[in-house]
């Protein structure tokens, strides 16, 4: 749980028990758990979208370089197939 130690967590639980009371504490804990779960889901989705956005230019560049390599190899084979110019 981040930088919280067991002593800090115990203090937070005691304060929550005093403020909310024993009847409302389980419902509040459930709501906090739901909020944390939603935040993690949103964070994971955001990280995946950001990673996909960063990967797209890299993949496009790799495809472009692959196409250039194919074009260069075609040009190279064309040059090899041509007879050398004769000077007469």
PDB file of N, CA and C in Angstrom:
ATOM      1  N   UNK A   1       0.826  -1.202   0.000  1.00  0.00           N
ATOM      2  CA  UNK A   1       0.000   0.000   0.000  1.00  0.00           C
ATOM      3  C   UNK A   1       0.858   1.248   0.000  1.00  0.00           C
ATOM      4  N   UNK A   2       1.695   1.360  -0.937  1.00  0.00           N
ATOM      5  CA  UNK A   2       2.497   2.575  -1.044  1.00  0.00           C
ATOM      6  C   UNK A   2       3.509   2.680   0.060  1.00  0.00           C
ATOM      7  N   UNK A   3       3.563   3.839   0.686  1.00  0.00           N
ATOM      8  CA  UNK A   3       4.533   4.096   1.747  1.00  0.00           C
ATOM      9  C   UNK A   3       3.921   4.000   3.135  1.00  0.00           C
ATOM     10  N   UNK A   4       2.737   3.427   3.249  1.00  0.00           N
ATOM     11  CA  UNK A   4       2.092   3.305   4.551  1.00  0.00           C
ATOM     12  C   UNK A   4       2.575   2.051   5.265  1.00  0.00           C
ATOM     13  N   UNK A   5       2.940   2.211   6.511  1.00  0.00           N
ATOM     14  CA  UNK A   5       3.319   1.069   7.330  1.00  0.00           C
ATOM     15  C   UNK A   5       2.116   0.568   8.103  1.00  0.00           C
ATOM     16  N   UNK A   6       2.325  -0.499   8.872  1.00  0.00           N
ATOM     17  CA  UNK A   6       1.213  -1.069   9.615  1.00  0.00           C
ATOM     18  C   UNK A   6       0.693  -0.111  10.678  1.00  0.00           C
ATOM     19  N   UNK A   7       1.563   0.705  11.259  1.00  0.00           N
ATOM     20  CA  UNK A   7       1.139   1.646  12.297  1.00  0.00           C
ATOM     21  C   UNK A   7       0.233   2.737  11.704  1.00  0.00           C
ATOM     22  N   UNK A   8       0.586   3.250  10.547  1.00  0.00           N
ATOM     23  CA  UNK A   8      -0.237   4.278   9.903  1.00  0.00           C
ATOM     24  C   UNK A   8      -1.601   3.730   9.506  1.00  0.00           C
ATOM     25  N   UNK A   9      -1.605   2.495   8.997  1.00  0.00           N
ATOM     26  CA  UNK A   9      -2.877   1.870   8.619  1.00  0.00           C
ATOM     27  C   UNK A   9      -3.758   1.670   9.848  1.00  0.00           C
ATOM     28  N   UNK A  10      -3.179   1.253  10.970  1.00  0.00           N
ATOM     29  CA  UNK A  10      -3.943   1.061  12.202  1.00  0.00           C
ATOM     30  C   UNK A  10      -4.550   2.378  12.672  1.00  0.00           C
ATOM     31  N   UNK A  11      -3.799   3.460  12.594  1.00  0.00           N
ATOM     32  CA  UNK A  11      -4.311   4.768  13.008  1.00  0.00           C
ATOM     33  C   UNK A  11      -5.470   5.183  12.103  1.00  0.00           C
ATOM     34  N   UNK A  12      -5.321   4.981  10.804  1.00  0.00           N
ATOM     35  CA  UNK A  12      -6.395   5.339   9.867  1.00  0.00           C
ATOM     36  C   UNK A  12      -7.652   4.530  10.167  1.00  0.00           C
ATOM     37  N   UNK A  13      -7.507   3.242  10.429  1.00  0.00           N
ATOM     38  CA  UNK A  13      -8.672   2.404  10.743  1.00  0.00           C
ATOM     39  C   UNK A  13      -9.357   2.830  12.035  1.00  0.00           C
ATOM     40  N   UNK A  14      -8.592   3.174  13.056  1.00  0.00           N
ATOM     41  CA  UNK A  14      -9.179   3.617  14.329  1.00  0.00           C
ATOM     42  C   UNK A  14      -9.922   4.932  14.133  1.00  0.00           C
ATOM     43  N   UNK A  15      -9.334   5.865  13.404  1.00  0.00           N
ATOM     44  CA  UNK A  15      -9.996   7.151  13.151  1.00  0.00           C
ATOM     45  C   UNK A  15     -11.265   6.928  12.338  1.00  0.00           C
ATOM     46  N   UNK A  16     -11.207   6.056  11.329  1.00  0.00           N
ATOM     47  CA  UNK A  16     -12.394   5.767  10.528  1.00  0.00           C
ATOM     48  C   UNK A  16     -13.479   5.127  11.384  1.00  0.00           C
ATOM     49  N   UNK A  17     -13.113   4.236  12.287  1.00  0.00           N
ATOM     50  CA  UNK A  17     -14.095   3.596  13.169  1.00  0.00           C
ATOM     51  C   UNK A  17     -14.741   4.612  14.088  1.00  0.00           C
ATOM     52  N   UNK A  18     -13.965   5.561  14.601  1.00  0.00           N
ATOM     53  CA  UNK A  18     -14.514   6.588  15.489  1.00  0.00           C
ATOM     54  C   UNK A  18     -15.419   7.534  14.717  1.00  0.00           C
ATOM     55  N   UNK A  19     -15.015   7.949  13.521  1.00  0.00           N
ATOM     56  CA  UNK A  19     -15.781   8.916  12.748  1.00  0.00           C
ATOM     57  C   UNK A  19     -17.055   8.291  12.181  1.00  0.00           C
ATOM     58  N   UNK A  20     -16.929   7.118  11.565  1.00  0.00           N
ATOM     59  CA  UNK A  20     -18.067   6.507  10.891  1.00  0.00           C
ATOM     60  C   UNK A  20     -18.920   5.630  11.798  1.00  0.00           C
ATOM     61  N   UNK A  21     -18.312   5.022  12.762  1.00  0.00           N
ATOM     62  CA  UNK A  21     -19.040   4.097  13.618  1.00  0.00           C
ATOM     63  C   UNK A  21     -19.004   2.698  13.039  1.00  0.00           C
ATOM     64  N   UNK A  22     -19.298   1.707  13.853  1.00  0.00           N
ATOM     65  CA  UNK A  22     -19.194   0.315  13.399  1.00  0.00           C
ATOM     66  C   UNK A  22     -20.259  -0.071  12.369  1.00  0.00           C
ATOM     67  N   UNK A  23     -21.367   0.661  12.291  1.00  0.00           N
ATOM     68  CA  UNK A  23     -22.422   0.308  11.334  1.00  0.00           C
ATOM     69  C   UNK A  23     -22.065   0.743   9.913  1.00  0.00           C
ATOM     70  N   UNK A  24     -21.474   1.892   9.780  1.00  0.00           N
ATOM     71  CA  UNK A  24     -21.195   2.448   8.451  1.00  0.00           C
ATOM     72  C   UNK A  24     -19.811   2.086   7.925  1.00  0.00           C
ATOM     73  N   UNK A  25     -18.926   1.593   8.758  1.00  0.00           N
ATOM     74  CA  UNK A  25     -17.551   1.317   8.345  1.00  0.00           C
ATOM     75  C   UNK A  25     -17.457   0.261   7.228  1.00  0.00           C
ATOM     76  N   UNK A  26     -18.174  -0.875   7.300  1.00  0.00           N
ATOM     77  CA  UNK A  26     -18.062  -1.853   6.200  1.00  0.00           C
ATOM     78  C   UNK A  26     -18.539  -1.302   4.850  1.00  0.00           C
ATOM     79  N   UNK A  27     -19.607  -0.531   4.847  1.00  0.00           N
ATOM     80  CA  UNK A  27     -20.099   0.065   3.597  1.00  0.00           C
ATOM     81  C   UNK A  27     -19.107   1.063   3.031  1.00  0.00           C
ATOM     82  N   UNK A  28     -18.502   1.847   3.905  1.00  0.00           N
ATOM     83  CA  UNK A  28     -17.505   2.822   3.458  1.00  0.00           C
ATOM     84  C   UNK A  28     -16.275   2.112   2.894  1.00  0.00           C
ATOM     85  N   UNK A  29     -15.881   1.015   3.540  1.00  0.00           N
ATOM     86  CA  UNK A  29     -14.725   0.257   3.048  1.00  0.00           C
ATOM     87  C   UNK A  29     -15.032  -0.327   1.665  1.00  0.00           C
ATOM     88  N   UNK A  30     -16.277  -0.811   1.476  1.00  0.00           N
ATOM     89  CA  UNK A  30     -16.669  -1.343   0.176  1.00  0.00           C
ATOM     90  C   UNK A  30     -16.618  -0.260  -0.895  1.00  0.00           C
ATOM     91  N   UNK A  31     -17.124   0.916  -0.580  1.00  0.00           N
ATOM     92  CA  UNK A  31     -17.114   2.018  -1.543  1.00  0.00           C
ATOM     93  C   UNK A  31     -15.684   2.437  -1.887  1.00  0.00           C
ATOM     94  N   UNK A  32     -14.831   2.497  -0.890  1.00  0.00           N
ATOM     95  CA  UNK A  32     -13.429   2.850  -1.139  1.00  0.00           C
ATOM     96  C   UNK A  32     -12.773   1.795  -2.025  1.00  0.00           C
ATOM     97  N   UNK A  33     -13.068   0.523  -1.766  1.00  0.00           N
ATOM     98  CA  UNK A  33     -12.531  -0.554  -2.599  1.00  0.00           C
ATOM     99  C   UNK A  33     -12.990  -0.435  -4.044  1.00  0.00           C
ATOM    100  N   UNK A  34     -14.273  -0.093  -4.243  1.00  0.00           N
ATOM    101  CA  UNK A  34     -14.793   0.082  -5.604  1.00  0.00           C
ATOM    102  C   UNK A  34     -14.108   1.248  -6.315  1.00  0.00           C
ATOM    103  N   UNK A  35     -13.916   2.335  -5.609  1.00  0.00           N
ATOM    104  CA  UNK A  35     -13.260   3.504  -6.200  1.00  0.00           C
ATOM    105  C   UNK A  35     -11.813   3.168  -6.582  1.00  0.00           C
ATOM    106  N   UNK A  36     -11.111   2.478  -5.689  1.00  0.00           N
ATOM    107  CA  UNK A  36      -9.724   2.110  -5.981  1.00  0.00           C
ATOM    108  C   UNK A  36      -9.671   1.176  -7.184  1.00  0.00           C
ATOM    109  N   UNK A  37     -10.607   0.229  -7.279  1.00  0.00           N
ATOM    110  CA  UNK A  37     -10.654  -0.701  -8.414  1.00  0.00           C
ATOM    111  C   UNK A  37     -10.893   0.059  -9.711  1.00  0.00           C
ATOM    112  N   UNK A  38     -11.824   1.008  -9.702  1.00  0.00           N
ATOM    113  CA  UNK A  38     -12.104   1.798 -10.903  1.00  0.00           C
ATOM    114  C   UNK A  38     -10.904   2.649 -11.305  1.00  0.00           C
ATOM    115  N   UNK A  39     -10.237   3.238 -10.320  1.00  0.00           N
ATOM    116  CA  UNK A  39      -9.050   4.042 -10.622  1.00  0.00           C
ATOM    117  C   UNK A  39      -7.945   3.192 -11.242  1.00  0.00           C
ATOM    118  N   UNK A  40      -7.768   1.975 -10.730  1.00  0.00           N
ATOM    119  CA  UNK A  40      -6.753   1.088 -11.311  1.00  0.00           C
ATOM    120  C   UNK A  40      -7.124   0.705 -12.726  1.00  0.00           C
ATOM    121  N   UNK A  41      -8.406   0.433 -12.972  1.00  0.00           N
ATOM    122  CA  UNK A  41      -8.856   0.060 -14.315  1.00  0.00           C
ATOM    123  C   UNK A  41      -8.628   1.225 -15.280  1.00  0.00           C
ATOM    124  N   UNK A  42      -8.963   2.429 -14.848  1.00  0.00           N
ATOM    125  CA  UNK A  42      -8.759   3.611 -15.687  1.00  0.00           C
ATOM    126  C   UNK A  42      -7.266   3.824 -15.941  1.00  0.00           C
ATOM    127  N   UNK A  43      -6.457   3.665 -14.907  1.00  0.00           N
ATOM    128  CA  UNK A  43      -5.017   3.847 -15.035  1.00  0.00           C
ATOM    129  C   UNK A  43      -4.425   2.828 -16.003  1.00  0.00           C
ATOM    130  N   UNK A  44      -4.850   1.578 -15.892  1.00  0.00           N
ATOM    131  CA  UNK A  44      -4.353   0.541 -16.796  1.00  0.00           C
ATOM    132  C   UNK A  44      -4.751   0.842 -18.236  1.00  0.00           C
ATOM    133  N   UNK A  45      -5.995   1.264 -18.442  1.00  0.00           N
ATOM    134  CA  UNK A  45      -6.453   1.617 -19.782  1.00  0.00           C
ATOM    135  C   UNK A  45      -5.670   2.779 -20.358  1.00  0.00           C
ATOM    136  N   UNK A  46      -5.412   3.778 -19.533  1.00  0.00           N
ATOM    137  CA  UNK A  46      -4.646   4.934 -19.973  1.00  0.00           C
ATOM    138  C   UNK A  46      -3.220   4.524 -20.353  1.00  0.00           C
ATOM    139  N   UNK A  47      -2.604   3.672 -19.527  1.00  0.00           N
ATOM    140  CA  UNK A  47      -1.248   3.224 -19.819  1.00  0.00           C
ATOM    141  C   UNK A  47      -1.198   2.434 -21.123  1.00  0.00           C
ATOM    142  N   UNK A  48      -2.202   1.589 -21.355  1.00  0.00           N
ATOM    143  CA  UNK A  48      -2.236   0.814 -22.596  1.00  0.00           C
ATOM    144  C   UNK A  48      -2.420   1.722 -23.806  1.00  0.00           C
ATOM    145  N   UNK A  49      -3.298   2.702 -23.698  1.00  0.00           N
ATOM    146  CA  UNK A  49      -3.508   3.636 -24.804  1.00  0.00           C
ATOM    147  C   UNK A  49      -2.237   4.429 -25.094  1.00  0.00           C
ATOM    148  N   UNK A  50      -1.568   4.868 -24.056  1.00  0.00           N
ATOM    149  CA  UNK A  50      -0.325   5.626 -24.230  1.00  0.00           C
ATOM    150  C   UNK A  50       0.750   4.750 -24.871  1.00  0.00           C
ATOM    151  N   UNK A  51       0.867   3.506 -24.418  1.00  0.00           N
ATOM    152  CA  UNK A  51       1.851   2.595 -24.997  1.00  0.00           C
ATOM    153  C   UNK A  51       1.542   2.321 -26.459  1.00  0.00           C
ATOM    154  N   UNK A  52       0.269   2.130 -26.794  1.00  0.00           N
ATOM    155  CA  UNK A  52      -0.118   1.912 -28.191  1.00  0.00           C
ATOM    156  C   UNK A  52       0.205   3.134 -29.046  1.00  0.00           C
ATOM    157  N   UNK A  53      -0.045   4.313 -28.497  1.00  0.00           N
ATOM    158  CA  UNK A  53       0.249   5.541 -29.242  1.00  0.00           C
ATOM    159  C   UNK A  53       1.746   5.704 -29.470  1.00  0.00           C
ATOM    160  N   UNK A  54       2.545   5.283 -28.511  1.00  0.00           N
ATOM    161  CA  UNK A  54       3.997   5.382 -28.672  1.00  0.00           C
ATOM    162  C   UNK A  54       4.528   4.313 -29.609  1.00  0.00           C
ATOM    163  N   UNK A  55       3.887   3.140 -29.639  1.00  0.00           N
ATOM    164  CA  UNK A  55       4.350   2.050 -30.495  1.00  0.00           C
ATOM    165  C   UNK A  55       4.000   2.275 -31.956  1.00  0.00           C
ATOM    166  N   UNK A  56       2.920   2.973 -32.251  1.00  0.00           N
ATOM    167  CA  UNK A  56       2.489   3.165 -33.638  1.00  0.00           C
ATOM    168  C   UNK A  56       3.552   3.826 -34.512  1.00  0.00           C
ATOM    169  N   UNK A  57       4.168   4.936 -34.084  1.00  0.00           N
ATOM    170  CA  UNK A  57       5.212   5.532 -34.939  1.00  0.00           C
ATOM    171  C   UNK A  57       6.410   4.601 -35.134  1.00  0.00           C
ATOM    172  N   UNK A  58       6.740   3.821 -34.139  1.00  0.00           N
ATOM    173  CA  UNK A  58       7.868   2.896 -34.249  1.00  0.00           C
ATOM    174  C   UNK A  58       7.541   1.815 -35.275  1.00  0.00           C
ATOM    175  N   UNK A  59       6.313   1.275 -35.196  1.00  0.00           N
ATOM    176  CA  UNK A  59       5.914   0.243 -36.150  1.00  0.00           C
ATOM    177  C   UNK A  59       5.828   0.822 -37.561  1.00  0.00           C
ATOM    178  N   UNK A  60       5.325   2.039 -37.691  1.00  0.00           N
ATOM    179  CA  UNK A  60       5.230   2.674 -39.008  1.00  0.00           C
ATOM    180  C   UNK A  60       6.626   2.897 -39.587  1.00  0.00           C
ATOM    181  N   UNK A  61       7.545   3.328 -38.753  1.00  0.00           N
ATOM    182  CA  UNK A  61       8.918   3.534 -39.211  1.00  0.00           C
ATOM    183  C   UNK A  61       9.552   2.213 -39.631  1.00  0.00           C
ATOM    184  N   UNK A  62       9.286   1.158 -38.872  1.00  0.00           N
ATOM    185  CA  UNK A  62       9.839  -0.154 -39.231  1.00  0.00           C
ATOM    186  C   UNK A  62       9.256  -0.633 -40.554  1.00  0.00           C
ATOM    187  N   UNK A  63       7.951  -0.425 -40.750  1.00  0.00           N
ATOM    188  CA  UNK A  63       7.341  -0.816 -42.021  1.00  0.00           C
ATOM    189  C   UNK A  63       7.935   0.000 -43.166  1.00  0.00           C
ATOM    190  N   UNK A  64       8.104   1.318 -42.922  1.00  0.00           N
ATOM    191  CA  UNK A  64       8.663   2.173 -43.955  1.00  0.00           C
ATOM    192  C   UNK A  64      10.077   1.729 -44.297  1.00  0.00           C
ATOM    193  N   UNK A  65      10.874   1.432 -43.286  1.00  0.00           N
ATOM    194  CA  UNK A  65      12.251   0.989 -43.530  1.00  0.00           C
ATOM    195  C   UNK A  65      12.263  -0.354 -44.247  1.00  0.00           C
ATOM    196  N   UNK A  66      11.314  -1.218 -43.897  1.00  0.00           N
ATOM    197  CA  UNK A  66      11.209  -2.501 -44.576  1.00  0.00           C
ATOM    198  C   UNK A  66      10.871  -2.316 -46.038  1.00  0.00           C
ATOM    199  N   UNK A  67       9.985  -1.382 -46.344  1.00  0.00           N
ATOM    200  CA  UNK A  67       9.624  -1.102 -47.728  1.00  0.00           C
ATOM    201  C   UNK A  67      10.798  -0.487 -48.468  1.00  0.00           C
ATOM    202  N   UNK A  68      11.539   0.379 -47.787  1.00  0.00           N
ATOM    203  CA  UNK A  68      12.717   0.969 -48.427  1.00  0.00           C
ATOM    204  C   UNK A  68      13.747  -0.100 -48.730  1.00  0.00           C
ATOM    205  N   UNK A  69      13.906  -1.048 -47.829  1.00  0.00           N
ATOM    206  CA  UNK A  69      14.873  -2.113 -48.061  1.00  0.00           C
ATOM    207  C   UNK A  69      14.452  -2.948 -49.261  1.00  0.00           C
ATOM    208  N   UNK A  70      13.153  -3.215 -49.382  1.00  0.00           N
ATOM    209  CA  UNK A  70      12.654  -3.981 -50.522  1.00  0.00           C
ATOM    210  C   UNK A  70      12.876  -3.195 -51.805  1.00  0.00           C
ATOM    211  N   UNK A  71      12.581  -1.893 -51.793  1.00  0.00           N
ATOM    212  CA  UNK A  71      12.778  -1.062 -52.981  1.00  0.00           C
ATOM    213  C   UNK A  71      14.249  -0.983 -53.354  1.00  0.00           C
ATOM    214  N   UNK A  72      15.119  -0.860 -52.363  1.00  0.00           N
ATOM    215  CA  UNK A  72      16.548  -0.789 -52.637  1.00  0.00           C
ATOM    216  C   UNK A  72      17.054  -2.110 -53.211  1.00  0.00           C
ATOM    217  N   UNK A  73      16.528  -3.218 -52.695  1.00  0.00           N
ATOM    218  CA  UNK A  73      16.972  -4.506 -53.233  1.00  0.00           C
ATOM    219  C   UNK A  73      16.484  -4.677 -54.669  1.00  0.00           C
ATOM    220  N   UNK A  74      15.290  -4.145 -54.970  1.00  0.00           N
ATOM    221  CA  UNK A  74      14.799  -4.205 -56.349  1.00  0.00           C
ATOM    222  C   UNK A  74      15.681  -3.341 -57.249  1.00  0.00           C
ATOM    223  N   UNK A  75      16.047  -2.157 -56.758  1.00  0.00           N
ATOM    224  CA  UNK A  75      16.916  -1.282 -57.547  1.00  0.00           C
ATOM    225  C   UNK A  75      18.278  -1.934 -57.746  1.00  0.00           C
ATOM    226  N   UNK A  76      18.769  -2.559 -56.716  1.00  0.00           N
ATOM    227  CA  UNK A  76      20.062  -3.230 -56.815  1.00  0.00           C
ATOM    228  C   UNK A  76      20.021  -4.355 -57.816  1.00  0.00           C
ATOM    229  N   UNK A  77      18.942  -5.119 -57.845  1.00  0.00           N
ATOM    230  CA  UNK A  77      18.845  -6.214 -58.807  1.00  0.00           C
ATOM    231  C   UNK A  77      18.677  -5.669 -60.219  1.00  0.00           C
ATOM    232  N   UNK A  78      18.011  -4.523 -60.360  1.00  0.00           N
ATOM    233  CA  UNK A  78      17.874  -3.914 -61.678  1.00  0.00           C
ATOM    234  C   UNK A  78      19.230  -3.469 -62.196  1.00  0.00           C
ATOM    235  N   UNK A  79      20.057  -2.941 -61.308  1.00  0.00           N
ATOM    236  CA  UNK A  79      21.376  -2.484 -61.731  1.00  0.00           C
ATOM    237  C   UNK A  79      22.257  -3.655 -62.123  1.00  0.00           C
ATOM    238  N   UNK A  80      22.114  -4.760 -61.450  1.00  0.00           N
ATOM    239  CA  UNK A  80      22.935  -5.930 -61.760  1.00  0.00           C
ATOM    240  C   UNK A  80      22.511  -6.532 -63.082  1.00  0.00           C
ATOM    241  N   UNK A  81      21.221  -6.508 -63.391  1.00  0.00           N
ATOM    242  CA  UNK A  81      20.711  -7.119 -64.615  1.00  0.00           C
ATOM    243  C   UNK A  81      21.060  -6.311 -65.861  1.00  0.00           C
ATOM    244  N   UNK A  82      21.331  -5.045 -65.708  1.00  0.00           N
ATOM    245  CA  UNK A  82      21.623  -4.210 -66.875  1.00  0.00           C
ATOM    246  C   UNK A  82      23.065  -4.467 -67.332  1.00  0.00           C
ATOM    247  N   UNK A  83      23.272  -4.543 -68.631  1.00  0.00           N
ATOM    248  CA  UNK A  83      24.655  -4.714 -69.118  1.00  0.00           C
ATOM    249  C   UNK A  83      25.417  -3.398 -68.940  1.00  0.00           C
ATOM    250  N   UNK A  84      26.711  -3.463 -68.747  1.00  0.00           N
ATOM    251  CA  UNK A  84      27.494  -2.232 -68.593  1.00  0.00           C
ATOM    252  C   UNK A  84      27.488  -1.426 -69.875  1.00  0.00           C
ATOM    253  N   UNK A  85      27.511  -0.120 -69.786  1.00  0.00           N
ATOM    254  CA  UNK A  85      27.504   0.709 -70.983  1.00  0.00           C
ATOM    255  C   UNK A  85      28.807   0.512 -71.763  1.00  0.00           C
ATOM    256  N   UNK A  86      28.660   0.489 -73.066  1.00  0.00           N
ATOM    257  CA  UNK A  86      29.856   0.338 -73.911  1.00  0.00           C
ATOM    258  C   UNK A  86      30.203   1.691 -74.504  1.00  0.00           C
ATOM    259  N   UNK A  87      31.452   1.969 -74.587  1.00  0.00           N
ATOM    260  CA  UNK A  87      31.875   3.250 -75.163  1.00  0.00           C
ATOM    261  C   UNK A  87      32.513   2.982 -76.513  1.00  0.00           C
ATOM    262  N   UNK A  88      31.841   3.335 -77.600  1.00  0.00           N
ATOM    263  CA  UNK A  88      32.379   3.121 -78.948  1.00  0.00           C
ATOM    264  C   UNK A  88      32.252   4.336 -79.775  1.00  0.00           C
TER     265      UNK A  88
END
